Amino acid sequence: EMPNIKFLQEKLGKVKIEAYSRVPLGYGYGLSGALSVAYAIAASE
């Protein structure tokens, strides 16, 4: 239920993302944005 990912699924179509990070989500590292960018590039490719 991440709202940014749900938005991208509806706007771009569905892809599966398995992401790995050495820093945690929700602390200020821009990981939500990174996931959105990864999803967008995946939808393009």
All heavy atoms as atom14 arrays in JSON, in Angstrom:
{
  "sequence": "EMPNIKFLQEKLGKVKIEAYSRVPLGYGYGLSGALSVAYAIAASE",
  "atom14_mask": [
    [1, 1, 1, 1, 1, 1, 1, 1, 1, 0, 0, 0, 0, 0],
    [1, 1, 1, 1, 1, 1, 1, 1, 0, 0, 0, 0, 0, 0],
    [1, 1, 1, 1, 1, 1, 1, 0, 0, 0, 0, 0, 0, 0],
    [1, 1, 1, 1, 1, 1, 1, 1, 0, 0, 0, 0, 0, 0],
    [1, 1, 1, 1, 1, 1, 1, 1, 0, 0, 0, 0, 0, 0],
    [1, 1, 1, 1, 1, 1, 1, 1, 1, 0, 0, 0, 0, 0],
    [1, 1, 1, 1, 1, 1, 1, 1, 1, 1, 1, 0, 0, 0],
    [1, 1, 1, 1, 1, 1, 1, 1, 0, 0, 0, 0, 0, 0],
    [1, 1, 1, 1, 1, 1, 1, 1, 1, 0, 0, 0, 0, 0],
    [1, 1, 1, 1, 1, 1, 1, 1, 1, 0, 0, 0, 0, 0],
    [1, 1, 1, 1, 1, 1, 1, 1, 1, 0, 0, 0, 0, 0],
    [1, 1, 1, 1, 1, 1, 1, 1, 0, 0, 0, 0, 0, 0],
    [1, 1, 1, 1, 0, 0, 0, 0, 0, 0, 0, 0, 0, 0],
    [1, 1, 1, 1, 1, 1, 1, 1, 1, 0, 0, 0, 0, 0],
    [1, 1, 1, 1, 1, 1, 1, 0, 0, 0, 0, 0, 0, 0],
    [1, 1, 1, 1, 1, 1, 1, 1, 1, 0, 0, 0, 0, 0],
    [1, 1, 1, 1, 1, 1, 1, 1, 0, 0, 0, 0, 0, 0],
    [1, 1, 1, 1, 1, 1, 1, 1, 1, 0, 0, 0, 0, 0],
    [1, 1, 1, 1, 1, 0, 0, 0, 0, 0, 0, 0, 0, 0],
    [1, 1, 1, 1, 1, 1, 1, 1, 1, 1, 1, 1, 0, 0],
    [1, 1, 1, 1, 1, 1, 0, 0, 0, 0, 0, 0, 0, 0],
    [1, 1, 1, 1, 1, 1, 1, 1, 1, 1, 1, 0, 0, 0],
    [1, 1, 1, 1, 1, 1, 1, 0, 0, 0, 0, 0, 0, 0],
    [1, 1, 1, 1, 1, 1, 1, 0, 0, 0, 0, 0, 0, 0],
    [1, 1, 1, 1, 1, 1, 1, 1, 0, 0, 0, 0, 0, 0],
    [1, 1, 1, 1, 0, 0, 0, 0, 0, 0, 0, 0, 0, 0],
    [1, 1, 1, 1, 1, 1, 1, 1, 1, 1, 1, 1, 0, 0],
    [1, 1, 1, 1, 0, 0, 0, 0, 0, 0, 0, 0, 0, 0],
    [1, 1, 1, 1, 1, 1, 1, 1, 1, 1, 1, 1, 0, 0],
    [1, 1, 1, 1, 0, 0, 0, 0, 0, 0, 0, 0, 0, 0],
    [1, 1, 1, 1, 1, 1, 1, 1, 0, 0, 0, 0, 0, 0],
    [1, 1, 1, 1, 1, 1, 0, 0, 0, 0, 0, 0, 0, 0],
    [1, 1, 1, 1, 0, 0, 0, 0, 0, 0, 0, 0, 0, 0],
    [1, 1, 1, 1, 1, 0, 0, 0, 0, 0, 0, 0, 0, 0],
    [1, 1, 1, 1, 1, 1, 1, 1, 0, 0, 0, 0, 0, 0],
    [1, 1, 1, 1, 1, 1, 0, 0, 0, 0, 0, 0, 0, 0],
    [1, 1, 1, 1, 1, 1, 1, 0, 0, 0, 0, 0, 0, 0],
    [1, 1, 1, 1, 1, 0, 0, 0, 0, 0, 0, 0, 0, 0],
    [1, 1, 1, 1, 1, 1, 1, 1, 1, 1, 1, 1, 0, 0],
    [1, 1, 1, 1, 1, 0, 0, 0, 0, 0, 0, 0, 0, 0],
    [1, 1, 1, 1, 1, 1, 1, 1, 0, 0, 0, 0, 0, 0],
    [1, 1, 1, 1, 1, 0, 0, 0, 0, 0, 0, 0, 0, 0],
    [1, 1, 1, 1, 1, 0, 0, 0, 0, 0, 0, 0, 0, 0],
    [1, 1, 1, 1, 1, 1, 0, 0, 0, 0, 0, 0, 0, 0],
    [1, 1, 1, 1, 1, 1, 1, 1, 1, 0, 0, 0, 0, 0]
  ],
  "atom14_positions": [
    [[0.8, -1.23, 0.0], [0.0, 0.0, 0.0], [0.83, 1.28, 0.0], [0.43, 2.29, 0.58], [-0.96, 0.02, 1.21], [-1.91, -1.16, 1.26], [-2.82, -1.26, 0.04], [-3.33, -0.21, -0.39], [-3.0, -2.38, -0.47], [0.0, 0.0, 0.0], [0.0, 0.0, 0.0], [0.0, 0.0, 0.0], [0.0, 0.0, 0.0], [0.0, 0.0, 0.0]],
    [[2.02, 1.27, -0.61], [2.76, 2.52, -0.75], [2.05, 3.38, -1.8], [1.91, 2.96, -2.96], [4.2, 2.27, -1.19], [5.13, 1.92, -0.06], [6.87, 1.95, -0.57], [7.17, 3.71, -0.64], [0.0, 0.0, 0.0], [0.0, 0.0, 0.0], [0.0, 0.0, 0.0], [0.0, 0.0, 0.0], [0.0, 0.0, 0.0], [0.0, 0.0, 0.0]],
    [[1.59, 4.59, -1.43], [0.78, 5.37, -2.37], [1.5, 5.75, -3.65], [0.89, 5.8, -4.71], [0.38, 6.61, -1.56], [1.33, 6.66, -0.4], [1.71, 5.25, -0.12], [0.0, 0.0, 0.0], [0.0, 0.0, 0.0], [0.0, 0.0, 0.0], [0.0, 0.0, 0.0], [0.0, 0.0, 0.0], [0.0, 0.0, 0.0], [0.0, 0.0, 0.0]],
    [[2.81, 6.0, -3.58], [3.53, 6.34, -4.81], [3.61, 5.16, -5.77], [3.46, 5.33, -6.99], [4.93, 6.87, -4.48], [5.77, 5.94, -3.63], [5.27, 5.35, -2.67], [7.04, 5.8, -3.95], [0.0, 0.0, 0.0], [0.0, 0.0, 0.0], [0.0, 0.0, 0.0], [0.0, 0.0, 0.0], [0.0, 0.0, 0.0], [0.0, 0.0, 0.0]],
    [[3.78, 3.95, -5.24], [3.84, 2.77, -6.1], [2.46, 2.46, -6.68], [2.34, 2.12, -7.86], [4.4, 1.56, -5.32], [5.83, 1.85, -4.82], [4.37, 0.31, -6.19], [6.83, 2.16, -5.92], [0.0, 0.0, 0.0], [0.0, 0.0, 0.0], [0.0, 0.0, 0.0], [0.0, 0.0, 0.0], [0.0, 0.0, 0.0], [0.0, 0.0, 0.0]],
    [[1.42, 2.59, -5.88], [0.06, 2.37, -6.39], [-0.25, 3.35, -7.52], [-0.85, 2.97, -8.54], [-0.95, 2.53, -5.26], [-0.93, 1.4, -4.24], [-1.96, 1.61, -3.16], [-3.37, 1.46, -3.71], [-4.39, 1.6, -2.65], [0.0, 0.0, 0.0], [0.0, 0.0, 0.0], [0.0, 0.0, 0.0], [0.0, 0.0, 0.0], [0.0, 0.0, 0.0]],
    [[0.17, 4.61, -7.36], [-0.04, 5.62, -8.41], [0.65, 5.21, -9.7], [0.08, 5.28, -10.79], [0.48, 6.97, -7.92], [0.42, 8.06, -8.95], [-0.7, 8.87, -9.05], [1.48, 8.29, -9.82], [-0.77, 9.89, -10.0], [1.43, 9.3, -10.77], [0.3, 10.11, -10.86], [0.0, 0.0, 0.0], [0.0, 0.0, 0.0], [0.0, 0.0, 0.0]],
    [[1.9, 4.74, -9.59], [2.67, 4.36, -10.77], [2.11, 3.11, -11.44], [2.13, 2.99, -12.67], [4.14, 4.17, -10.4], [4.87, 5.47, -10.02], [6.24, 5.16, -9.42], [5.01, 6.39, -11.21], [0.0, 0.0, 0.0], [0.0, 0.0, 0.0], [0.0, 0.0, 0.0], [0.0, 0.0, 0.0], [0.0, 0.0, 0.0], [0.0, 0.0, 0.0]],
    [[1.61, 2.18, -10.65], [0.99, 1.0, -11.23], [-0.2, 1.39, -12.1], [-0.38, 0.87, -13.21], [0.52, 0.06, -10.12], [1.64, -0.67, -9.41], [1.14, -1.5, -8.24], [0.08, -1.23, -7.68], [1.9, -2.52, -7.88], [0.0, 0.0, 0.0], [0.0, 0.0, 0.0], [0.0, 0.0, 0.0], [0.0, 0.0, 0.0], [0.0, 0.0, 0.0]],
    [[-1.01, 2.34, -11.6], [-2.19, 2.75, -12.34], [-1.83, 3.6, -13.56], [-2.48, 3.52, -14.6], [-3.13, 3.53, -11.41], [-3.72, 2.66, -10.3], [-4.46, 3.47, -9.25], [-4.61, 4.7, -9.44], [-4.91, 2.88, -8.25], [0.0, 0.0, 0.0], [0.0, 0.0, 0.0], [0.0, 0.0, 0.0], [0.0, 0.0, 0.0], [0.0, 0.0, 0.0]],
    [[-0.78, 4.4, -13.44], [-0.41, 5.33, -14.51], [0.43, 4.67, -15.6], [0.29, 4.98, -16.79], [0.35, 6.52, -13.92], [0.66, 7.63, -14.9], [0.01, 8.91, -14.51], [0.28, 10.02, -15.48], [-0.34, 11.29, -15.11], [0.0, 0.0, 0.0], [0.0, 0.0, 0.0], [0.0, 0.0, 0.0], [0.0, 0.0, 0.0], [0.0, 0.0, 0.0]],
    [[1.33, 3.78, -15.2], [2.3, 3.23, -16.15], [2.11, 1.76, -16.47], [2.64, 1.26, -17.46], [3.72, 3.43, -15.6], [4.15, 4.87, -15.3], [5.56, 4.88, -14.72], [4.08, 5.74, -16.54], [0.0, 0.0, 0.0], [0.0, 0.0, 0.0], [0.0, 0.0, 0.0], [0.0, 0.0, 0.0], [0.0, 0.0, 0.0], [0.0, 0.0, 0.0]],
    [[1.37, 1.05, -15.64], [1.27, -0.39, -15.78], [2.06, -1.1, -14.69], [2.81, -0.46, -13.94], [0.0, 0.0, 0.0], [0.0, 0.0, 0.0], [0.0, 0.0, 0.0], [0.0, 0.0, 0.0], [0.0, 0.0, 0.0], [0.0, 0.0, 0.0], [0.0, 0.0, 0.0], [0.0, 0.0, 0.0], [0.0, 0.0, 0.0], [0.0, 0.0, 0.0]],
    [[1.92, -2.4, -14.6], [2.49, -3.14, -13.48], [3.82, -3.82, -13.86], [3.93, -4.47, -14.9], [1.5, -4.18, -12.99], [0.27, -3.54, -12.34], [-0.72, -4.57, -11.84], [-1.9, -3.87, -11.17], [-2.91, -4.84, -10.68], [0.0, 0.0, 0.0], [0.0, 0.0, 0.0], [0.0, 0.0, 0.0], [0.0, 0.0, 0.0], [0.0, 0.0, 0.0]],
    [[4.8, -3.63, -12.99], [6.07, -4.36, -13.06], [6.43, -4.82, -11.65], [5.91, -4.29, -10.66], [7.21, -3.47, -13.63], [6.96, -3.13, -15.08], [7.4, -2.21, -12.8], [0.0, 0.0, 0.0], [0.0, 0.0, 0.0], [0.0, 0.0, 0.0], [0.0, 0.0, 0.0], [0.0, 0.0, 0.0], [0.0, 0.0, 0.0], [0.0, 0.0, 0.0]],
    [[7.29, -5.8, -11.56], [7.74, -6.29, -10.26], [9.11, -5.72, -9.95], [10.02, -5.79, -10.77], [7.79, -7.82, -10.24], [8.17, -8.38, -8.87], [8.06, -9.88, -8.81], [8.37, -10.4, -7.4], [8.26, -11.87, -7.33], [0.0, 0.0, 0.0], [0.0, 0.0, 0.0], [0.0, 0.0, 0.0], [0.0, 0.0, 0.0], [0.0, 0.0, 0.0]],
    [[9.25, -5.15, -8.77], [10.5, -4.54, -8.33], [11.0, -5.25, -7.08], [10.27, -5.36, -6.08], [10.3, -3.04, -8.01], [9.79, -2.25, -9.22], [11.6, -2.43, -7.46], [10.78, -2.04, -10.31], [0.0, 0.0, 0.0], [0.0, 0.0, 0.0], [0.0, 0.0, 0.0], [0.0, 0.0, 0.0], [0.0, 0.0, 0.0], [0.0, 0.0, 0.0]],
    [[12.22, -5.74, -7.12], [12.9, -6.26, -5.94], [14.1, -5.37, -5.7], [15.09, -5.43, -6.44], [13.31, -7.72, -6.13], [12.12, -8.66, -6.3], [12.53, -10.11, -6.39], [13.56, -10.48, -5.77], [11.84, -10.88, -7.08], [0.0, 0.0, 0.0], [0.0, 0.0, 0.0], [0.0, 0.0, 0.0], [0.0, 0.0, 0.0], [0.0, 0.0, 0.0]],
    [[13.99, -4.5, -4.69], [15.0, -3.47, -4.44], [15.81, -3.79, -3.18], [15.31, -4.43, -2.25], [14.33, -2.11, -4.31], [0.0, 0.0, 0.0], [0.0, 0.0, 0.0], [0.0, 0.0, 0.0], [0.0, 0.0, 0.0], [0.0, 0.0, 0.0], [0.0, 0.0, 0.0], [0.0, 0.0, 0.0], [0.0, 0.0, 0.0], [0.0, 0.0, 0.0]],
    [[17.05, -3.3, -3.2], [17.97, -3.54, -2.08], [18.63, -2.22, -1.7], [19.1, -1.48, -2.55], [19.02, -4.58, -2.47], [18.39, -5.88, -2.91], [18.07, -6.09, -4.25], [18.09, -6.88, -1.99], [17.47, -7.26, -4.65], [17.49, -8.06, -2.4], [17.17, -8.25, -3.73], [16.56, -9.4, -4.13], [0.0, 0.0, 0.0], [0.0, 0.0, 0.0]],
    [[18.65, -1.96, -0.4], [19.23, -0.71, 0.09], [19.96, -0.96, 1.4], [19.5, -1.75, 2.24], [18.13, 0.34, 0.31], [18.66, 1.49, 0.96], [0.0, 0.0, 0.0], [0.0, 0.0, 0.0], [0.0, 0.0, 0.0], [0.0, 0.0, 0.0], [0.0, 0.0, 0.0], [0.0, 0.0, 0.0], [0.0, 0.0, 0.0], [0.0, 0.0, 0.0]],
    [[21.06, -0.25, 1.59], [21.81, -0.34, 2.85], [21.34, 0.68, 3.87], [21.85, 0.72, 4.99], [23.31, -0.18, 2.57], [23.91, -1.42, 1.9], [25.33, -1.2, 1.45], [26.19, -0.75, 2.54], [27.43, -0.32, 2.39], [27.96, -0.27, 1.16], [28.15, 0.07, 3.41], [0.0, 0.0, 0.0], [0.0, 0.0, 0.0], [0.0, 0.0, 0.0]],
    [[20.38, 1.52, 3.49], [19.8, 2.47, 4.45], [18.29, 2.24, 4.5], [17.7, 1.73, 3.55], [20.11, 3.94, 4.06], [21.6, 4.2, 4.08], [19.51, 4.3, 2.72], [0.0, 0.0, 0.0], [0.0, 0.0, 0.0], [0.0, 0.0, 0.0], [0.0, 0.0, 0.0], [0.0, 0.0, 0.0], [0.0, 0.0, 0.0], [0.0, 0.0, 0.0]],
    [[17.64, 2.62, 5.62], [16.22, 2.31, 5.79], [15.28, 3.32, 5.13], [15.66, 4.46, 4.86], [16.05, 2.33, 7.32], [17.09, 3.31, 7.79], [18.26, 3.15, 6.86], [0.0, 0.0, 0.0], [0.0, 0.0, 0.0], [0.0, 0.0, 0.0], [0.0, 0.0, 0.0], [0.0, 0.0, 0.0], [0.0, 0.0, 0.0], [0.0, 0.0, 0.0]],
    [[14.06, 2.88, 4.9], [13.01, 3.7, 4.32], [12.33, 4.54, 5.39], [12.05, 4.05, 6.49], [11.98, 2.78, 3.65], [10.74, 3.4, 3.02], [11.1, 4.24, 1.81], [9.74, 2.3, 2.63], [0.0, 0.0, 0.0], [0.0, 0.0, 0.0], [0.0, 0.0, 0.0], [0.0, 0.0, 0.0], [0.0, 0.0, 0.0], [0.0, 0.0, 0.0]],
    [[12.08, 5.82, 5.07], [11.3, 6.66, 5.97], [12.11, 7.52, 6.92], [11.55, 8.13, 7.83], [0.0, 0.0, 0.0], [0.0, 0.0, 0.0], [0.0, 0.0, 0.0], [0.0, 0.0, 0.0], [0.0, 0.0, 0.0], [0.0, 0.0, 0.0], [0.0, 0.0, 0.0], [0.0, 0.0, 0.0], [0.0, 0.0, 0.0], [0.0, 0.0, 0.0]],
    [[13.42, 7.62, 6.71], [14.28, 8.37, 7.62], [14.85, 9.64, 7.02], [15.4, 10.47, 7.74], [15.43, 7.48, 8.11], [15.0, 6.42, 9.1], [14.34, 5.29, 8.67], [15.24, 6.58, 10.46], [13.92, 4.31, 9.56], [14.84, 5.6, 11.37], [14.17, 4.48, 10.91], [13.76, 3.53, 11.81], [0.0, 0.0, 0.0], [0.0, 0.0, 0.0]],
    [[14.76, 9.8, 5.69], [15.27, 11.02, 5.08], [16.32, 10.8, 4.0], [17.02, 11.74, 3.62], [0.0, 0.0, 0.0], [0.0, 0.0, 0.0], [0.0, 0.0, 0.0], [0.0, 0.0, 0.0], [0.0, 0.0, 0.0], [0.0, 0.0, 0.0], [0.0, 0.0, 0.0], [0.0, 0.0, 0.0], [0.0, 0.0, 0.0], [0.0, 0.0, 0.0]],
    [[16.43, 9.57, 3.5], [17.42, 9.25, 2.47], [16.87, 9.35, 1.05], [17.57, 9.05, 0.08], [17.96, 7.84, 2.68], [18.86, 7.67, 3.88], [18.42, 7.01, 5.02], [20.17, 8.14, 3.87], [19.25, 6.82, 6.12], [21.01, 7.96, 4.95], [20.55, 7.29, 6.08], [21.38, 7.11, 7.17], [0.0, 0.0, 0.0], [0.0, 0.0, 0.0]],
    [[15.59, 9.71, 0.9], [15.0, 9.77, -0.44], [14.73, 8.41, -1.04], [14.65, 8.28, -2.26], [0.0, 0.0, 0.0], [0.0, 0.0, 0.0], [0.0, 0.0, 0.0], [0.0, 0.0, 0.0], [0.0, 0.0, 0.0], [0.0, 0.0, 0.0], [0.0, 0.0, 0.0], [0.0, 0.0, 0.0], [0.0, 0.0, 0.0], [0.0, 0.0, 0.0]],
    [[14.53, 7.37, -0.2], [14.31, 6.03, -0.73], [12.97, 5.9, -1.44], [12.84, 5.15, -2.41], [14.39, 4.99, 0.39], [15.76, 4.38, 0.68], [15.6, 3.21, 1.63], [16.45, 3.92, -0.58], [0.0, 0.0, 0.0], [0.0, 0.0, 0.0], [0.0, 0.0, 0.0], [0.0, 0.0, 0.0], [0.0, 0.0, 0.0], [0.0, 0.0, 0.0]],
    [[11.96, 6.61, -0.96], [10.68, 6.58, -1.66], [10.85, 7.09, -3.09], [10.36, 6.49, -4.05], [9.64, 7.42, -0.91], [8.44, 7.51, -1.64], [0.0, 0.0, 0.0], [0.0, 0.0, 0.0], [0.0, 0.0, 0.0], [0.0, 0.0, 0.0], [0.0, 0.0, 0.0], [0.0, 0.0, 0.0], [0.0, 0.0, 0.0], [0.0, 0.0, 0.0]],
    [[11.56, 8.2, -3.24], [11.84, 8.73, -4.56], [12.66, 7.77, -5.4], [12.41, 7.59, -6.59], [0.0, 0.0, 0.0], [0.0, 0.0, 0.0], [0.0, 0.0, 0.0], [0.0, 0.0, 0.0], [0.0, 0.0, 0.0], [0.0, 0.0, 0.0], [0.0, 0.0, 0.0], [0.0, 0.0, 0.0], [0.0, 0.0, 0.0], [0.0, 0.0, 0.0]],
    [[13.63, 7.11, -4.78], [14.46, 6.15, -5.5], [13.62, 4.98, -6.01], [13.81, 4.5, -7.14], [15.59, 5.64, -4.6], [0.0, 0.0, 0.0], [0.0, 0.0, 0.0], [0.0, 0.0, 0.0], [0.0, 0.0, 0.0], [0.0, 0.0, 0.0], [0.0, 0.0, 0.0], [0.0, 0.0, 0.0], [0.0, 0.0, 0.0], [0.0, 0.0, 0.0]],
    [[12.67, 4.52, -5.2], [11.78, 3.45, -5.64], [10.9, 3.91, -6.8], [10.66, 3.16, -7.75], [10.91, 2.98, -4.47], [11.64, 2.15, -3.41], [10.8, 2.05, -2.13], [11.94, 0.74, -3.93], [0.0, 0.0, 0.0], [0.0, 0.0, 0.0], [0.0, 0.0, 0.0], [0.0, 0.0, 0.0], [0.0, 0.0, 0.0], [0.0, 0.0, 0.0]],
    [[10.42, 5.16, -6.71], [9.6, 5.7, -7.8], [10.4, 5.8, -9.1], [9.91, 5.48, -10.18], [9.03, 7.07, -7.42], [8.07, 6.95, -6.39], [0.0, 0.0, 0.0], [0.0, 0.0, 0.0], [0.0, 0.0, 0.0], [0.0, 0.0, 0.0], [0.0, 0.0, 0.0], [0.0, 0.0, 0.0], [0.0, 0.0, 0.0], [0.0, 0.0, 0.0]],
    [[11.65, 6.27, -9.0], [12.5, 6.38, -10.19], [12.78, 4.99, -10.76], [12.72, 4.78, -11.98], [13.81, 7.11, -9.85], [14.79, 7.02, -11.02], [13.53, 8.58, -9.51], [0.0, 0.0, 0.0], [0.0, 0.0, 0.0], [0.0, 0.0, 0.0], [0.0, 0.0, 0.0], [0.0, 0.0, 0.0], [0.0, 0.0, 0.0], [0.0, 0.0, 0.0]],
    [[13.1, 4.03, -9.88], [13.36, 2.66, -10.36], [12.13, 2.1, -11.06], [12.25, 1.44, -12.1], [13.76, 1.78, -9.17], [0.0, 0.0, 0.0], [0.0, 0.0, 0.0], [0.0, 0.0, 0.0], [0.0, 0.0, 0.0], [0.0, 0.0, 0.0], [0.0, 0.0, 0.0], [0.0, 0.0, 0.0], [0.0, 0.0, 0.0], [0.0, 0.0, 0.0]],
    [[10.96, 2.35, -10.5], [9.72, 1.85, -11.12], [9.54, 2.49, -12.49], [9.18, 1.8, -13.47], [8.53, 2.16, -10.22], [7.29, 1.36, -10.57], [6.89, 0.3, -9.77], [6.53, 1.65, -11.7], [5.77, -0.46, -10.09], [5.42, 0.91, -12.02], [5.03, -0.14, -11.21], [3.92, -0.89, -11.53], [0.0, 0.0, 0.0], [0.0, 0.0, 0.0]],
    [[9.76, 3.8, -12.59], [9.58, 4.5, -13.86], [10.53, 3.96, -14.93], [10.13, 3.73, -16.08], [9.8, 6.0, -13.66], [0.0, 0.0, 0.0], [0.0, 0.0, 0.0], [0.0, 0.0, 0.0], [0.0, 0.0, 0.0], [0.0, 0.0, 0.0], [0.0, 0.0, 0.0], [0.0, 0.0, 0.0], [0.0, 0.0, 0.0], [0.0, 0.0, 0.0]],
    [[11.8, 3.78, -14.57], [12.77, 3.25, -15.53], [12.39, 1.82, -15.93], [12.49, 1.44, -17.1], [14.19, 3.31, -14.95], [14.62, 4.78, -14.78], [15.18, 2.57, -15.85], [15.96, 4.96, -14.09], [0.0, 0.0, 0.0], [0.0, 0.0, 0.0], [0.0, 0.0, 0.0], [0.0, 0.0, 0.0], [0.0, 0.0, 0.0], [0.0, 0.0, 0.0]],
    [[11.94, 1.02, -14.96], [11.51, -0.35, -15.26], [10.33, -0.35, -16.23], [10.31, -1.14, -17.18], [11.13, -1.07, -13.97], [0.0, 0.0, 0.0], [0.0, 0.0, 0.0], [0.0, 0.0, 0.0], [0.0, 0.0, 0.0], [0.0, 0.0, 0.0], [0.0, 0.0, 0.0], [0.0, 0.0, 0.0], [0.0, 0.0, 0.0], [0.0, 0.0, 0.0]],
    [[9.36, 0.55, -16.02], [8.2, 0.62, -16.91], [8.63, 1.03, -18.32], [8.09, 0.54, -19.32], [7.18, 1.61, -16.36], [0.0, 0.0, 0.0], [0.0, 0.0, 0.0], [0.0, 0.0, 0.0], [0.0, 0.0, 0.0], [0.0, 0.0, 0.0], [0.0, 0.0, 0.0], [0.0, 0.0, 0.0], [0.0, 0.0, 0.0], [0.0, 0.0, 0.0]],
    [[9.61, 1.91, -18.4], [10.12, 2.32, -19.71], [10.82, 1.15, -20.41], [10.59, 0.88, -21.59], [11.08, 3.49, -19.55], [11.66, 3.85, -20.78], [0.0, 0.0, 0.0], [0.0, 0.0, 0.0], [0.0, 0.0, 0.0], [0.0, 0.0, 0.0], [0.0, 0.0, 0.0], [0.0, 0.0, 0.0], [0.0, 0.0, 0.0], [0.0, 0.0, 0.0]],
    [[11.67, 0.44, -19.67], [12.45, -0.65, -20.26], [11.6, -1.88, -20.59], [11.81, -2.52, -21.62], [13.58, -1.05, -19.3], [14.65, 0.01, -19.09], [15.54, 0.17, -20.3], [15.82, -0.84, -20.97], [15.97, 1.31, -20.57], [0.0, 0.0, 0.0], [0.0, 0.0, 0.0], [0.0, 0.0, 0.0], [0.0, 0.0, 0.0], [0.0, 0.0, 0.0]]
  ]
}
